Amino acid sequence: MLQHPLMIKYIQDQFELEVNTSNTKELYYLKDSDEDIKLTFDEIKLIGLGLKEILDIQFPKLKSLLTYLREIARVCTKLNLTIPWGLPSGLIVNQSYIATKEAKLRPFSYGKTSFTIQIPDKETTNKSKQVRAFMPNLVHSLDAASLTMLVDFYFNNYSSERKNIYTVHDCFAVVKL
């Protein structure tokens, strides 16, 4: 079975890395600090590989599209360009993730409290994040554009005085009165 590091990294990013206090060599990932949702890296890898295999079998044309879009993202990052795309609503999106450096600050010499801050490096692009985030950002922006166009159509073409539409993230509902 082929490994798919971007899928694995995407799943990994949804969890918080924790160290088992009883065994410092054991790392696991928690979802929203919920002890009931705890995975090892091998389990995350297995989920990612399983999802990839199912998608490849059920949607073979999707694999070609994903390969094409991933290559577009790689070319743009190699050339240090933003990744642009246009939405049906007319909005032009330019994705650009700049690299960051970490710096630890200890504001008081008498205390042990320290803070880690991210300092942007405006000259460098975070190439792996740029490629990894392209597909979810593209899909999310298309979802938002379609919802915007639906709301616009609904309010401009529905003749009732009372117009209700409820949206939650990528979902929507309309109440018919």
N, C-alpha and C. Protein backbone atom coordinates (compact mmCIF):
# COMPACT_ATOMS: atom_id res chain seq x y z
N MET A 1 0.84 -1.17 0.00
CA MET A 1 0.00 0.00 0.00
C MET A 1 0.90 1.25 0.00
N LEU A 2 0.62 2.18 -0.89
CA LEU A 2 1.42 3.40 -0.98
C LEU A 2 1.06 4.36 0.15
N GLN A 3 2.07 5.05 0.65
CA GLN A 3 1.82 6.04 1.68
C GLN A 3 1.36 7.34 1.03
N HIS A 4 0.55 8.08 1.72
CA HIS A 4 0.08 9.36 1.23
C HIS A 4 0.32 10.40 2.33
N PRO A 5 1.52 11.01 2.35
CA PRO A 5 1.89 11.89 3.47
C PRO A 5 0.99 13.11 3.63
N LEU A 6 0.43 13.67 2.55
CA LEU A 6 -0.40 14.86 2.69
C LEU A 6 -1.70 14.52 3.42
N MET A 7 -2.31 13.39 3.10
CA MET A 7 -3.54 12.97 3.77
C MET A 7 -3.25 12.71 5.25
N ILE A 8 -2.15 12.04 5.53
CA ILE A 8 -1.77 11.74 6.91
C ILE A 8 -1.51 13.04 7.67
N LYS A 9 -0.78 13.97 7.07
CA LYS A 9 -0.47 15.25 7.70
C LYS A 9 -1.75 16.05 7.96
N TYR A 10 -2.68 16.00 7.01
CA TYR A 10 -3.95 16.73 7.18
C TYR A 10 -4.72 16.18 8.38
N ILE A 11 -4.78 14.86 8.52
CA ILE A 11 -5.47 14.26 9.66
C ILE A 11 -4.73 14.60 10.95
N GLN A 12 -3.42 14.50 10.92
CA GLN A 12 -2.57 14.81 12.08
C GLN A 12 -2.80 16.24 12.57
N ASP A 13 -2.96 17.17 11.63
CA ASP A 13 -3.14 18.58 11.98
C ASP A 13 -4.45 18.85 12.72
N GLN A 14 -5.40 17.91 12.66
CA GLN A 14 -6.68 18.08 13.34
C GLN A 14 -6.61 17.67 14.81
N PHE A 15 -5.45 17.14 15.22
CA PHE A 15 -5.27 16.63 16.58
C PHE A 15 -4.15 17.38 17.28
N GLU A 16 -4.14 17.26 18.62
CA GLU A 16 -3.08 17.84 19.43
C GLU A 16 -2.13 16.73 19.84
N LEU A 17 -0.83 16.95 19.67
CA LEU A 17 0.17 15.96 20.06
C LEU A 17 0.34 15.98 21.57
N GLU A 18 0.30 14.81 22.18
CA GLU A 18 0.47 14.67 23.62
C GLU A 18 1.52 13.60 23.89
N VAL A 19 2.20 13.71 25.02
CA VAL A 19 3.17 12.70 25.45
C VAL A 19 2.56 11.96 26.62
N ASN A 20 2.61 10.64 26.56
CA ASN A 20 2.11 9.82 27.66
C ASN A 20 3.01 10.04 28.87
N THR A 21 2.45 10.54 29.97
CA THR A 21 3.26 10.86 31.15
C THR A 21 3.84 9.61 31.82
N SER A 22 3.18 8.46 31.66
CA SER A 22 3.71 7.24 32.27
C SER A 22 4.81 6.59 31.44
N ASN A 23 4.81 6.89 30.12
CA ASN A 23 5.83 6.34 29.22
C ASN A 23 6.21 7.45 28.24
N THR A 24 7.30 8.15 28.51
CA THR A 24 7.66 9.34 27.72
C THR A 24 7.98 9.03 26.27
N LYS A 25 8.20 7.77 25.91
CA LYS A 25 8.48 7.43 24.52
C LYS A 25 7.19 7.27 23.70
N GLU A 26 6.05 7.17 24.37
CA GLU A 26 4.79 6.97 23.68
C GLU A 26 4.13 8.32 23.39
N LEU A 27 3.91 8.60 22.12
CA LEU A 27 3.22 9.81 21.69
C LEU A 27 1.83 9.44 21.21
N TYR A 28 0.88 10.30 21.46
CA TYR A 28 -0.45 10.07 20.91
C TYR A 28 -1.09 11.42 20.60
N TYR A 29 -2.17 11.36 19.85
CA TYR A 29 -2.85 12.55 19.39
C TYR A 29 -4.25 12.59 19.97
N LEU A 30 -4.62 13.74 20.55
CA LEU A 30 -5.94 13.92 21.12
C LEU A 30 -6.76 14.85 20.24
N LYS A 31 -8.04 14.57 20.13
CA LYS A 31 -8.95 15.46 19.41
C LYS A 31 -9.62 16.36 20.43
N ASP A 32 -9.35 17.65 20.36
CA ASP A 32 -9.93 18.65 21.26
C ASP A 32 -9.76 18.28 22.73
N SER A 33 -8.57 17.78 23.10
CA SER A 33 -8.24 17.38 24.47
C SER A 33 -9.21 16.36 25.05
N ASP A 34 -9.86 15.57 24.20
CA ASP A 34 -10.81 14.55 24.62
C ASP A 34 -10.07 13.22 24.78
N GLU A 35 -9.97 12.72 26.00
CA GLU A 35 -9.25 11.48 26.28
C GLU A 35 -9.88 10.28 25.57
N ASP A 36 -11.16 10.38 25.17
CA ASP A 36 -11.82 9.27 24.48
C ASP A 36 -11.41 9.18 23.02
N ILE A 37 -10.89 10.26 22.46
CA ILE A 37 -10.45 10.27 21.06
C ILE A 37 -8.94 10.43 21.06
N LYS A 38 -8.26 9.30 21.19
CA LYS A 38 -6.81 9.29 21.32
C LYS A 38 -6.26 8.31 20.28
N LEU A 39 -5.36 8.78 19.41
CA LEU A 39 -4.79 7.94 18.35
C LEU A 39 -3.27 7.99 18.38
N THR A 40 -2.65 6.90 17.97
CA THR A 40 -1.21 6.89 17.77
C THR A 40 -0.93 7.31 16.34
N PHE A 41 0.32 7.59 16.03
CA PHE A 41 0.67 7.95 14.66
C PHE A 41 0.34 6.82 13.70
N ASP A 42 0.59 5.57 14.11
CA ASP A 42 0.28 4.43 13.24
C ASP A 42 -1.21 4.34 12.94
N GLU A 43 -2.06 4.68 13.91
CA GLU A 43 -3.50 4.66 13.68
C GLU A 43 -3.93 5.78 12.74
N ILE A 44 -3.33 6.96 12.89
CA ILE A 44 -3.62 8.06 11.97
C ILE A 44 -3.18 7.68 10.56
N LYS A 45 -2.01 7.06 10.46
CA LYS A 45 -1.50 6.62 9.16
C LYS A 45 -2.45 5.61 8.52
N LEU A 46 -2.95 4.68 9.30
CA LEU A 46 -3.87 3.67 8.80
C LEU A 46 -5.18 4.30 8.31
N ILE A 47 -5.70 5.27 9.05
CA ILE A 47 -6.92 5.98 8.63
C ILE A 47 -6.68 6.72 7.32
N GLY A 48 -5.56 7.44 7.24
CA GLY A 48 -5.23 8.18 6.02
C GLY A 48 -5.08 7.27 4.82
N LEU A 49 -4.38 6.16 5.00
CA LEU A 49 -4.18 5.23 3.89
C LEU A 49 -5.50 4.57 3.48
N GLY A 50 -6.34 4.24 4.46
CA GLY A 50 -7.65 3.66 4.16
C GLY A 50 -8.53 4.62 3.38
N LEU A 51 -8.56 5.89 3.81
CA LEU A 51 -9.34 6.89 3.10
C LEU A 51 -8.85 7.08 1.67
N LYS A 52 -7.53 7.12 1.51
CA LYS A 52 -6.94 7.28 0.19
C LYS A 52 -7.31 6.12 -0.73
N GLU A 53 -7.24 4.91 -0.20
CA GLU A 53 -7.56 3.73 -1.01
C GLU A 53 -9.04 3.74 -1.42
N ILE A 54 -9.93 4.08 -0.49
CA ILE A 54 -11.36 4.13 -0.81
C ILE A 54 -11.64 5.19 -1.87
N LEU A 55 -11.03 6.37 -1.72
CA LEU A 55 -11.23 7.43 -2.71
C LEU A 55 -10.72 7.02 -4.08
N ASP A 56 -9.56 6.36 -4.12
CA ASP A 56 -9.00 5.92 -5.41
C ASP A 56 -9.89 4.89 -6.09
N ILE A 57 -10.50 4.00 -5.31
CA ILE A 57 -11.36 2.96 -5.89
C ILE A 57 -12.71 3.53 -6.30
N GLN A 58 -13.33 4.31 -5.42
CA GLN A 58 -14.68 4.82 -5.67
C GLN A 58 -14.71 5.98 -6.68
N PHE A 59 -13.65 6.78 -6.71
CA PHE A 59 -13.63 7.97 -7.56
C PHE A 59 -12.31 8.06 -8.33
N PRO A 60 -12.09 7.20 -9.33
CA PRO A 60 -10.80 7.18 -10.03
C PRO A 60 -10.48 8.50 -10.76
N LYS A 61 -11.49 9.21 -11.25
CA LYS A 61 -11.23 10.48 -11.94
C LYS A 61 -10.80 11.56 -10.96
N LEU A 62 -11.22 11.42 -9.73
CA LEU A 62 -10.80 12.37 -8.69
C LEU A 62 -9.29 12.33 -8.50
N LYS A 63 -8.72 11.13 -8.61
CA LYS A 63 -7.27 10.99 -8.46
C LYS A 63 -6.53 11.81 -9.52
N SER A 64 -7.02 11.78 -10.75
CA SER A 64 -6.39 12.57 -11.82
C SER A 64 -6.50 14.06 -11.54
N LEU A 65 -7.67 14.50 -11.09
CA LEU A 65 -7.86 15.92 -10.76
C LEU A 65 -6.95 16.34 -9.61
N LEU A 66 -6.88 15.51 -8.57
CA LEU A 66 -6.02 15.82 -7.43
C LEU A 66 -4.56 15.91 -7.84
N THR A 67 -4.12 14.99 -8.70
CA THR A 67 -2.74 15.01 -9.17
C THR A 67 -2.46 16.30 -9.95
N TYR A 68 -3.38 16.67 -10.82
CA TYR A 68 -3.24 17.89 -11.60
C TYR A 68 -3.15 19.12 -10.70
N LEU A 69 -4.07 19.24 -9.74
CA LEU A 69 -4.08 20.41 -8.86
C LEU A 69 -2.86 20.43 -7.94
N ARG A 70 -2.42 19.26 -7.48
CA ARG A 70 -1.22 19.20 -6.64
C ARG A 70 0.00 19.67 -7.42
N GLU A 71 0.08 19.29 -8.69
CA GLU A 71 1.21 19.72 -9.53
C GLU A 71 1.17 21.23 -9.76
N ILE A 72 -0.02 21.79 -9.94
CA ILE A 72 -0.16 23.25 -10.06
C ILE A 72 0.40 23.92 -8.80
N ALA A 73 0.02 23.39 -7.64
CA ALA A 73 0.49 23.95 -6.37
C ALA A 73 2.01 23.84 -6.26
N ARG A 74 2.56 22.70 -6.66
CA ARG A 74 4.02 22.52 -6.57
C ARG A 74 4.76 23.47 -7.51
N VAL A 75 4.25 23.66 -8.72
CA VAL A 75 4.89 24.58 -9.66
C VAL A 75 4.86 26.00 -9.09
N CYS A 76 3.70 26.41 -8.58
CA CYS A 76 3.60 27.77 -8.01
C CYS A 76 4.56 27.96 -6.84
N THR A 77 4.70 26.94 -5.98
CA THR A 77 5.60 27.10 -4.84
C THR A 77 7.06 27.10 -5.27
N LYS A 78 7.39 26.30 -6.29
CA LYS A 78 8.78 26.31 -6.78
C LYS A 78 9.15 27.66 -7.38
N LEU A 79 8.17 28.31 -7.99
CA LEU A 79 8.41 29.62 -8.58
C LEU A 79 8.18 30.76 -7.58
N ASN A 80 7.89 30.41 -6.31
CA ASN A 80 7.60 31.40 -5.27
C ASN A 80 6.43 32.31 -5.63
N LEU A 81 5.40 31.72 -6.22
CA LEU A 81 4.20 32.46 -6.60
C LEU A 81 3.06 32.10 -5.66
N THR A 82 2.10 33.02 -5.51
CA THR A 82 0.88 32.66 -4.80
C THR A 82 0.11 31.70 -5.69
N ILE A 83 -0.82 30.96 -5.11
CA ILE A 83 -1.66 30.06 -5.90
C ILE A 83 -3.00 30.77 -6.09
N PRO A 84 -3.29 31.21 -7.32
CA PRO A 84 -4.53 31.96 -7.55
C PRO A 84 -5.65 31.06 -8.11
N TRP A 85 -6.89 31.41 -7.79
CA TRP A 85 -8.03 30.81 -8.46
C TRP A 85 -9.21 31.77 -8.37
N GLY A 86 -10.10 31.65 -9.35
CA GLY A 86 -11.29 32.49 -9.40
C GLY A 86 -12.51 31.69 -9.01
N LEU A 87 -13.43 32.35 -8.35
CA LEU A 87 -14.68 31.71 -7.92
C LEU A 87 -15.83 32.16 -8.80
N PRO A 88 -16.89 31.35 -8.90
CA PRO A 88 -18.03 31.73 -9.72
C PRO A 88 -18.68 33.04 -9.28
N SER A 89 -18.48 33.43 -8.03
CA SER A 89 -19.03 34.69 -7.52
C SER A 89 -18.23 35.90 -8.01
N GLY A 90 -17.06 35.65 -8.63
CA GLY A 90 -16.23 36.73 -9.13
C GLY A 90 -15.03 37.04 -8.25
N LEU A 91 -14.97 36.48 -7.05
CA LEU A 91 -13.86 36.72 -6.15
C LEU A 91 -12.61 35.99 -6.64
N ILE A 92 -11.47 36.66 -6.60
CA ILE A 92 -10.18 36.05 -6.93
C ILE A 92 -9.45 35.78 -5.63
N VAL A 93 -9.04 34.53 -5.44
CA VAL A 93 -8.33 34.12 -4.23
C VAL A 93 -6.86 33.94 -4.58
N ASN A 94 -5.97 34.43 -3.73
CA ASN A 94 -4.53 34.23 -3.86
C ASN A 94 -4.02 33.62 -2.57
N GLN A 95 -3.72 32.33 -2.60
CA GLN A 95 -3.24 31.65 -1.39
C GLN A 95 -1.73 31.81 -1.27
N SER A 96 -1.30 32.26 -0.10
CA SER A 96 0.12 32.40 0.15
C SER A 96 0.39 32.20 1.64
N TYR A 97 1.08 31.14 1.96
CA TYR A 97 1.47 30.89 3.35
C TYR A 97 2.95 31.23 3.49
N ILE A 98 3.24 32.24 4.29
CA ILE A 98 4.64 32.58 4.50
C ILE A 98 5.20 31.73 5.63
N ALA A 99 6.47 31.47 5.55
CA ALA A 99 7.13 30.66 6.57
C ALA A 99 7.25 31.47 7.87
N THR A 100 7.34 30.76 8.97
CA THR A 100 7.52 31.42 10.26
C THR A 100 8.70 30.79 11.00
N LYS A 101 9.24 31.57 11.89
CA LYS A 101 10.29 31.08 12.79
C LYS A 101 9.76 31.22 14.21
N GLU A 102 10.15 30.30 15.06
CA GLU A 102 9.72 30.36 16.45
C GLU A 102 10.78 31.03 17.31
N ALA A 103 10.29 31.80 18.27
CA ALA A 103 11.19 32.41 19.25
C ALA A 103 10.56 32.23 20.63
N LYS A 104 11.37 31.79 21.57
CA LYS A 104 10.89 31.63 22.95
C LYS A 104 11.25 32.87 23.74
N LEU A 105 10.28 33.37 24.46
CA LEU A 105 10.48 34.54 25.30
C LEU A 105 10.23 34.16 26.75
N ARG A 106 11.08 34.63 27.59
CA ARG A 106 10.90 34.47 29.03
C ARG A 106 10.90 35.88 29.60
N PRO A 107 9.69 36.44 29.83
CA PRO A 107 9.61 37.86 30.18
C PRO A 107 10.22 38.22 31.53
N PHE A 108 10.27 37.28 32.46
CA PHE A 108 10.80 37.59 33.79
C PHE A 108 11.91 36.60 34.12
N SER A 109 13.06 37.11 34.50
CA SER A 109 14.20 36.24 34.80
C SER A 109 13.98 35.42 36.07
N TYR A 110 13.10 35.86 36.94
CA TYR A 110 12.86 35.14 38.19
C TYR A 110 11.80 34.04 38.06
N GLY A 111 11.08 34.00 36.92
CA GLY A 111 10.03 32.99 36.74
C GLY A 111 10.38 31.99 35.66
N LYS A 112 9.66 30.89 35.65
CA LYS A 112 9.89 29.85 34.66
C LYS A 112 8.94 29.96 33.46
N THR A 113 8.01 30.89 33.54
CA THR A 113 7.03 31.05 32.47
C THR A 113 7.71 31.55 31.20
N SER A 114 7.41 30.87 30.10
CA SER A 114 7.94 31.31 28.82
C SER A 114 6.83 31.26 27.77
N PHE A 115 7.00 32.00 26.72
CA PHE A 115 6.03 32.06 25.63
C PHE A 115 6.76 31.77 24.32
N THR A 116 6.09 31.08 23.45
CA THR A 116 6.64 30.84 22.12
C THR A 116 5.85 31.69 21.14
N ILE A 117 6.53 32.50 20.36
CA ILE A 117 5.85 33.33 19.37
C ILE A 117 6.31 32.93 17.97
N GLN A 118 5.44 33.13 17.01
CA GLN A 118 5.74 32.86 15.61
C GLN A 118 6.11 34.18 14.94
N ILE A 119 7.27 34.22 14.32
CA ILE A 119 7.73 35.43 13.63
C ILE A 119 7.69 35.15 12.13
N PRO A 120 6.90 35.92 11.37
CA PRO A 120 6.81 35.68 9.93
C PRO A 120 8.11 36.01 9.21
N ASP A 121 8.46 35.17 8.26
CA ASP A 121 9.61 35.40 7.39
C ASP A 121 9.05 35.73 6.01
N LYS A 122 8.86 37.00 5.74
CA LYS A 122 8.15 37.44 4.53
C LYS A 122 8.86 37.09 3.23
N GLU A 123 10.12 36.69 3.31
CA GLU A 123 10.88 36.34 2.12
C GLU A 123 10.73 34.88 1.72
N THR A 124 10.20 34.05 2.63
CA THR A 124 10.15 32.61 2.40
C THR A 124 8.72 32.10 2.46
N THR A 125 8.38 31.20 1.55
CA THR A 125 7.07 30.56 1.52
C THR A 125 7.15 29.23 2.25
N ASN A 126 6.11 28.91 3.01
CA ASN A 126 6.01 27.60 3.64
C ASN A 126 5.48 26.64 2.57
N LYS A 127 6.41 26.02 1.84
CA LYS A 127 6.06 25.23 0.66
C LYS A 127 5.18 24.04 0.97
N SER A 128 5.46 23.31 2.04
CA SER A 128 4.65 22.12 2.33
C SER A 128 3.22 22.52 2.71
N LYS A 129 3.06 23.58 3.48
CA LYS A 129 1.72 24.04 3.86
C LYS A 129 0.99 24.60 2.65
N GLN A 130 1.72 25.27 1.77
CA GLN A 130 1.12 25.84 0.56
C GLN A 130 0.49 24.73 -0.29
N VAL A 131 1.22 23.64 -0.48
CA VAL A 131 0.71 22.52 -1.29
C VAL A 131 -0.39 21.79 -0.52
N ARG A 132 -0.17 21.51 0.76
CA ARG A 132 -1.11 20.74 1.57
C ARG A 132 -2.45 21.46 1.73
N ALA A 133 -2.43 22.79 1.84
CA ALA A 133 -3.65 23.55 2.12
C ALA A 133 -4.43 23.92 0.87
N PHE A 134 -3.82 23.77 -0.30
CA PHE A 134 -4.48 24.21 -1.53
C PHE A 134 -5.83 23.54 -1.74
N MET A 135 -5.87 22.20 -1.69
CA MET A 135 -7.11 21.49 -1.98
C MET A 135 -8.23 21.82 -0.98
N PRO A 136 -7.99 21.75 0.34
CA PRO A 136 -9.08 22.11 1.26
C PRO A 136 -9.53 23.56 1.11
N ASN A 137 -8.59 24.47 0.86
CA ASN A 137 -8.95 25.89 0.69
C ASN A 137 -9.77 26.09 -0.58
N LEU A 138 -9.40 25.41 -1.65
CA LEU A 138 -10.15 25.51 -2.91
C LEU A 138 -11.58 25.02 -2.70
N VAL A 139 -11.72 23.85 -2.10
CA VAL A 139 -13.06 23.28 -1.87
C VAL A 139 -13.87 24.16 -0.94
N HIS A 140 -13.26 24.64 0.13
CA HIS A 140 -13.98 25.49 1.09
C HIS A 140 -14.43 26.79 0.42
N SER A 141 -13.58 27.38 -0.41
CA SER A 141 -13.97 28.62 -1.08
C SER A 141 -15.07 28.39 -2.10
N LEU A 142 -15.06 27.23 -2.77
CA LEU A 142 -16.15 26.89 -3.71
C LEU A 142 -17.47 26.68 -2.95
N ASP A 143 -17.39 26.04 -1.78
CA ASP A 143 -18.59 25.88 -0.93
C ASP A 143 -19.16 27.25 -0.56
N ALA A 144 -18.29 28.15 -0.12
CA ALA A 144 -18.73 29.48 0.29
C ALA A 144 -19.32 30.26 -0.88
N ALA A 145 -18.68 30.15 -2.05
CA ALA A 145 -19.18 30.86 -3.23
C ALA A 145 -20.56 30.32 -3.64
N SER A 146 -20.74 29.00 -3.60
CA SER A 146 -22.04 28.44 -3.98
C SER A 146 -23.12 28.85 -2.99
N LEU A 147 -22.79 28.90 -1.69
CA LEU A 147 -23.76 29.35 -0.70
C LEU A 147 -24.10 30.82 -0.91
N THR A 148 -23.12 31.64 -1.21
CA THR A 148 -23.35 33.07 -1.48
C THR A 148 -24.27 33.25 -2.67
N MET A 149 -24.03 32.50 -3.73
CA MET A 149 -24.87 32.60 -4.93
C MET A 149 -26.29 32.09 -4.66
N LEU A 150 -26.42 31.04 -3.82
CA LEU A 150 -27.74 30.52 -3.46
C LEU A 150 -28.52 31.55 -2.66
N VAL A 151 -27.87 32.17 -1.67
CA VAL A 151 -28.53 33.18 -0.85
C VAL A 151 -28.96 34.36 -1.72
N ASP A 152 -28.09 34.80 -2.61
CA ASP A 152 -28.41 35.90 -3.52
C ASP A 152 -29.63 35.54 -4.38
N PHE A 153 -29.64 34.36 -4.95
CA PHE A 153 -30.77 33.92 -5.78
C PHE A 153 -32.05 33.84 -4.95
N TYR A 154 -31.94 33.28 -3.75
CA TYR A 154 -33.10 33.10 -2.87
C TYR A 154 -33.74 34.44 -2.52
N PHE A 155 -32.94 35.40 -2.09
CA PHE A 155 -33.50 36.68 -1.68
C PHE A 155 -33.96 37.53 -2.85
N ASN A 156 -33.41 37.34 -4.03
CA ASN A 156 -33.82 38.12 -5.19
C ASN A 156 -34.99 37.49 -5.95
N ASN A 157 -35.30 36.22 -5.73
CA ASN A 157 -36.32 35.55 -6.53
C ASN A 157 -37.47 34.96 -5.71
N TYR A 158 -37.42 35.02 -4.42
CA TYR A 158 -38.48 34.48 -3.58
C TYR A 158 -39.39 35.64 -3.21
N SER A 159 -40.69 35.53 -3.52
CA SER A 159 -41.58 36.69 -3.44
C SER A 159 -42.22 36.93 -2.08
N SER A 160 -42.06 36.07 -1.12
CA SER A 160 -42.67 36.25 0.19
C SER A 160 -42.03 37.44 0.91
N GLU A 161 -42.83 38.08 1.79
CA GLU A 161 -42.28 39.17 2.60
C GLU A 161 -41.30 38.64 3.63
N ARG A 162 -41.57 37.45 4.14
CA ARG A 162 -40.69 36.85 5.14
C ARG A 162 -39.72 35.91 4.44
N LYS A 163 -38.48 36.21 4.60
CA LYS A 163 -37.45 35.38 3.98
C LYS A 163 -36.50 34.91 5.07
N ASN A 164 -36.44 33.62 5.27
CA ASN A 164 -35.58 33.06 6.31
C ASN A 164 -34.63 32.05 5.70
N ILE A 165 -33.39 32.19 6.02
CA ILE A 165 -32.40 31.18 5.64
C ILE A 165 -31.41 31.09 6.79
N TYR A 166 -31.05 29.87 7.15
CA TYR A 166 -30.14 29.64 8.26
C TYR A 166 -28.91 28.93 7.72
N THR A 167 -27.75 29.40 8.09
CA THR A 167 -26.53 28.74 7.64
C THR A 167 -25.65 28.42 8.84
N VAL A 168 -25.01 27.27 8.77
CA VAL A 168 -24.03 26.85 9.76
C VAL A 168 -22.89 26.23 8.98
N HIS A 169 -21.75 26.90 8.97
CA HIS A 169 -20.56 26.44 8.25
C HIS A 169 -20.92 26.09 6.81
N ASP A 170 -20.87 24.81 6.42
CA ASP A 170 -21.12 24.42 5.04
C ASP A 170 -22.54 23.90 4.82
N CYS A 171 -23.43 24.16 5.76
CA CYS A 171 -24.81 23.66 5.66
C CYS A 171 -25.77 24.83 5.65
N PHE A 172 -26.96 24.59 5.12
CA PHE A 172 -27.98 25.64 5.13
C PHE A 172 -29.36 25.02 5.20
N ALA A 173 -30.35 25.82 5.62
CA ALA A 173 -31.73 25.38 5.69
C ALA A 173 -32.62 26.56 5.37
N VAL A 174 -33.78 26.28 4.77
CA VAL A 174 -34.75 27.31 4.43
C VAL A 174 -36.06 26.91 5.07
N VAL A 175 -36.72 27.86 5.69
CA VAL A 175 -38.03 27.60 6.29
C VAL A 175 -39.10 28.09 5.33
N LYS A 176 -40.00 27.19 4.95
CA LYS A 176 -41.09 27.58 4.05
C LYS A 176 -42.29 27.97 4.90
N LEU A 177 -42.79 29.17 4.70
CA LEU A 177 -43.95 29.65 5.49
C LEU A 177 -45.19 29.64 4.67
